[in-house]
Amino acid sequence: MIQNVSNATQAPLAAPADQTSQNPGSVTYHTPFGDVLVDQLVEADFSALFGGGSTPQNQSNPAVATPAAQPVPPPPAAPTADNSVPTAESVFGSDPWVAKPTGTGPDGAKFGVNPYYFATRETAAEVAAMVGGTVVEKDAYLDPSGRFVQDQPNEMVQVADGGLINPGIVASFFTHGYSQSVVDQMILNEVKGA
């Protein structure tokens, strides 16, 4: 797509068709999206944008100059070892979450629960170090007074103001391919919302 836009030898996306008799200061352009009526005062910019670069035959305003085409910047470079995207495993080790956490229903049947809510103790300790908090255990996934109970407690992080954040959720921020600065902002938002 970028090559198509920056290739000056290709036909323009829009070509001037004719000067309209209804609007003498305007030109009609035929585009892939339909006819477009363009005032001659802005026509030069329109031509440059769509690769025409030329003025219509009937243009009578020589003071309006067509700007030179700007070079298209190259696409961003792929991440290297210096600016690689962090992953949950690169930050928290090979097992950031409890493997196959479960809950128990009122009839005694076991069911699986989302592991992203169940950080390991090591992951919780790492998140606590990041945000200046302490690790506490709590049943925070299912209501302990309810009929459904969780079989493992959540390793939670208590932040300075007493609020709790789930380090399993924080670890999941590293699974989306976001840059470190984006993940840092997400963690800050999590702490502020605690």
Protein backbone atom coordinates (compact mmCIF):
# COMPACT_ATOMS: atom_id res chain seq x y z
CA MET A 1 0.00 0.00 0.00
CA ILE A 2 2.77 2.46 0.89
CA GLN A 3 4.54 1.63 -2.35
CA ASN A 4 1.37 2.41 -4.30
CA VAL A 5 0.99 5.81 -2.70
CA SER A 6 4.64 6.80 -3.02
CA ASN A 7 5.14 5.49 -6.58
CA ALA A 8 5.04 8.61 -8.75
CA THR A 9 4.70 6.64 -12.01
CA GLN A 10 1.28 5.25 -11.20
CA ALA A 11 -1.92 6.81 -12.43
CA PRO A 12 -3.51 9.24 -9.98
CA LEU A 13 -6.38 8.00 -7.86
CA ALA A 14 -8.43 11.00 -8.97
CA ALA A 15 -8.25 12.77 -12.29
CA PRO A 16 -9.83 16.12 -13.13
CA ALA A 17 -12.81 15.60 -15.38
CA ASP A 18 -14.02 19.04 -16.28
CA GLN A 19 -14.76 22.47 -14.99
CA THR A 20 -18.41 22.65 -14.06
CA SER A 21 -20.71 25.20 -15.63
CA GLN A 22 -22.81 25.42 -12.45
CA ASN A 23 -19.81 26.33 -10.30
CA PRO A 24 -17.19 28.07 -12.50
CA GLY A 25 -14.53 28.07 -9.75
CA SER A 26 -14.79 24.30 -9.23
CA VAL A 27 -13.54 21.16 -10.93
CA THR A 28 -15.18 17.73 -10.88
CA TYR A 29 -12.85 14.81 -10.15
CA HIS A 30 -13.75 11.20 -10.88
CA THR A 31 -12.54 9.04 -8.00
CA PRO A 32 -13.01 5.35 -7.14
CA PHE A 33 -15.57 6.54 -4.59
CA GLY A 34 -17.62 8.69 -6.95
CA ASP A 35 -17.41 12.17 -8.43
CA VAL A 36 -16.01 14.89 -6.17
CA LEU A 37 -16.57 18.60 -6.75
CA VAL A 38 -13.44 20.54 -5.70
CA ASP A 39 -13.04 24.31 -5.46
CA GLN A 40 -9.99 25.49 -7.41
CA LEU A 41 -8.57 27.17 -4.31
CA VAL A 42 -8.12 23.76 -2.70
CA GLU A 43 -7.72 21.81 -5.93
CA ALA A 44 -3.91 22.00 -5.92
CA ASP A 45 -3.72 20.29 -2.52
CA PHE A 46 -6.25 17.70 -3.68
CA SER A 47 -4.14 16.90 -6.73
CA ALA A 48 -0.99 16.51 -4.67
CA LEU A 49 -2.69 14.27 -2.16
CA PHE A 50 -3.95 11.86 -4.77
CA GLY A 51 -0.87 11.75 -6.90
CA GLY A 52 -2.19 13.90 -9.73
CA GLY A 53 0.38 16.61 -9.20
CA SER A 54 -0.96 18.39 -12.31
CA THR A 55 -3.46 21.14 -12.53
CA PRO A 56 -6.62 20.91 -14.61
CA GLN A 57 -6.50 22.31 -18.13
CA ASN A 58 -8.93 25.11 -17.39
CA GLN A 59 -7.32 26.33 -14.15
CA SER A 60 -7.00 30.10 -14.17
CA ASN A 61 -5.21 30.70 -10.85
CA PRO A 62 -1.44 30.36 -11.42
CA ALA A 63 -0.68 31.71 -7.92
CA VAL A 64 -1.80 28.43 -6.34
CA ALA A 65 1.21 26.12 -6.37
CA THR A 66 1.07 22.37 -6.03
CA PRO A 67 3.16 21.32 -3.00
CA ALA A 68 5.95 18.82 -3.56
CA ALA A 69 5.18 15.24 -2.61
CA GLN A 70 6.53 14.34 0.81
CA PRO A 71 8.62 11.17 1.14
CA VAL A 72 6.90 8.29 2.90
CA PRO A 73 8.78 7.31 6.07
CA PRO A 74 9.95 3.69 6.29
CA PRO A 75 7.95 1.32 8.51
CA PRO A 76 9.21 0.96 12.09
CA ALA A 77 11.96 -1.56 12.60
CA ALA A 78 11.15 -4.92 14.14
CA PRO A 79 12.01 -5.21 17.86
CA THR A 80 15.60 -6.13 18.57
CA ALA A 81 17.23 -7.43 21.71
CA ASP A 82 17.54 -3.83 22.93
CA ASN A 83 13.86 -2.89 22.52
CA SER A 84 12.15 -6.28 22.64
CA VAL A 85 8.61 -6.63 23.89
CA PRO A 86 8.44 -8.14 27.40
CA THR A 87 6.49 -11.36 27.95
CA ALA A 88 5.00 -12.80 31.12
CA GLU A 89 7.59 -15.58 31.04
CA SER A 90 10.51 -13.17 30.56
CA VAL A 91 9.42 -11.17 33.61
CA PHE A 92 7.94 -13.81 35.94
CA GLY A 93 9.53 -17.11 34.85
CA SER A 94 8.12 -20.12 33.04
CA ASP A 95 4.98 -20.50 35.21
CA PRO A 96 3.48 -17.11 36.19
CA TRP A 97 0.08 -18.62 37.10
CA VAL A 98 -1.18 -21.60 39.10
CA ALA A 99 -1.67 -24.56 36.77
CA LYS A 100 -5.35 -25.52 36.45
CA PRO A 101 -6.93 -23.76 39.44
CA THR A 102 -10.36 -25.10 40.41
CA GLY A 103 -13.51 -24.30 42.30
CA THR A 104 -16.19 -26.47 43.90
CA GLY A 105 -19.91 -26.16 43.27
CA PRO A 106 -22.77 -26.74 45.75
CA ASP A 107 -23.09 -30.37 44.63
CA GLY A 108 -19.37 -30.99 45.24
CA ALA A 109 -18.50 -30.95 41.53
CA LYS A 110 -15.16 -29.41 40.60
CA PHE A 111 -14.85 -26.82 37.83
CA GLY A 112 -11.95 -24.97 36.28
CA VAL A 113 -11.40 -21.26 36.87
CA ASN A 114 -9.41 -18.70 34.91
CA PRO A 115 -5.71 -19.07 35.80
CA TYR A 116 -5.07 -15.38 35.09
CA TYR A 117 -6.69 -14.69 38.48
CA PHE A 118 -4.31 -17.08 40.25
CA ALA A 119 -0.71 -15.88 40.23
CA THR A 120 1.94 -18.07 41.78
CA ARG A 121 3.52 -16.86 45.01
CA GLU A 122 6.69 -15.95 43.03
CA THR A 123 4.70 -13.86 40.54
CA ALA A 124 2.91 -12.12 43.40
CA ALA A 125 6.24 -11.34 45.07
CA GLU A 126 7.62 -9.88 41.82
CA VAL A 127 4.53 -7.67 41.34
CA ALA A 128 4.71 -6.58 45.00
CA ALA A 129 8.31 -5.48 44.40
CA MET A 130 7.23 -3.55 41.27
CA VAL A 131 4.49 -1.56 43.03
CA GLY A 132 5.87 -1.37 46.57
CA GLY A 133 3.26 -3.65 48.12
CA THR A 134 3.04 -6.82 50.17
CA VAL A 135 1.68 -10.26 49.26
CA VAL A 136 -1.46 -11.44 51.05
CA GLU A 137 -3.63 -14.53 50.48
CA LYS A 138 -7.34 -14.04 49.98
CA ASP A 139 -10.28 -15.78 48.34
CA ALA A 140 -10.93 -12.97 45.87
CA TYR A 141 -12.18 -14.87 42.81
CA LEU A 142 -15.38 -16.41 44.17
CA ASP A 143 -17.51 -15.17 47.04
CA PRO A 144 -16.49 -17.30 50.06
CA SER A 145 -19.99 -16.98 51.54
CA GLY A 146 -21.56 -18.22 48.32
CA ARG A 147 -22.41 -21.71 47.19
CA PHE A 148 -19.43 -21.82 44.83
CA VAL A 149 -15.99 -21.77 46.47
CA GLN A 150 -12.47 -21.64 45.13
CA ASP A 151 -10.07 -24.43 45.99
CA GLN A 152 -6.92 -22.24 46.00
CA PRO A 153 -6.57 -18.80 47.54
CA ASN A 154 -5.52 -15.86 45.37
CA GLU A 155 -2.08 -14.42 45.97
CA MET A 156 -2.94 -10.72 46.08
CA VAL A 157 -0.78 -7.61 46.47
CA GLN A 158 -1.77 -4.99 49.01
CA VAL A 159 -0.57 -1.55 47.89
CA ALA A 160 0.44 1.36 50.14
CA ASP A 161 -3.07 2.81 50.48
CA GLY A 162 -4.49 -0.57 51.55
CA GLY A 163 -6.09 -1.47 48.22
CA LEU A 164 -5.61 -4.89 46.65
CA ILE A 165 -4.50 -5.73 43.14
CA ASN A 166 -4.42 -9.16 41.56
CA PRO A 167 -0.87 -9.96 40.39
CA GLY A 168 -2.21 -12.61 38.03
CA ILE A 169 -4.02 -9.87 36.12
CA VAL A 170 -0.88 -7.73 36.18
CA ALA A 171 1.11 -10.67 34.74
CA SER A 172 -1.50 -11.01 31.98
CA PHE A 173 -0.64 -7.47 30.81
CA PHE A 174 2.58 -8.98 29.46
CA THR A 175 0.74 -11.44 27.17
CA HIS A 176 -0.52 -8.93 24.57
CA GLY A 177 2.74 -7.85 22.94
CA TYR A 178 2.60 -4.33 24.39
CA SER A 179 5.77 -2.30 24.86
CA GLN A 180 7.17 -1.91 28.36
CA SER A 181 5.94 1.69 28.57
CA VAL A 182 2.35 0.60 27.79
CA VAL A 183 2.53 -2.20 30.37
CA ASP A 184 3.93 0.26 32.94
CA GLN A 185 0.93 2.55 32.34
CA MET A 186 -1.48 -0.37 32.70
CA ILE A 187 0.12 -1.36 36.01
CA LEU A 188 -0.07 2.24 37.23
CA ASN A 189 -3.77 2.32 36.32
CA GLU A 190 -4.33 -0.93 38.19
CA VAL A 191 -2.65 0.46 41.32
CA LYS A 192 -4.62 3.73 41.09
CA GLY A 193 -7.88 1.77 40.78
CA ALA A 194 -7.16 -0.39 43.85
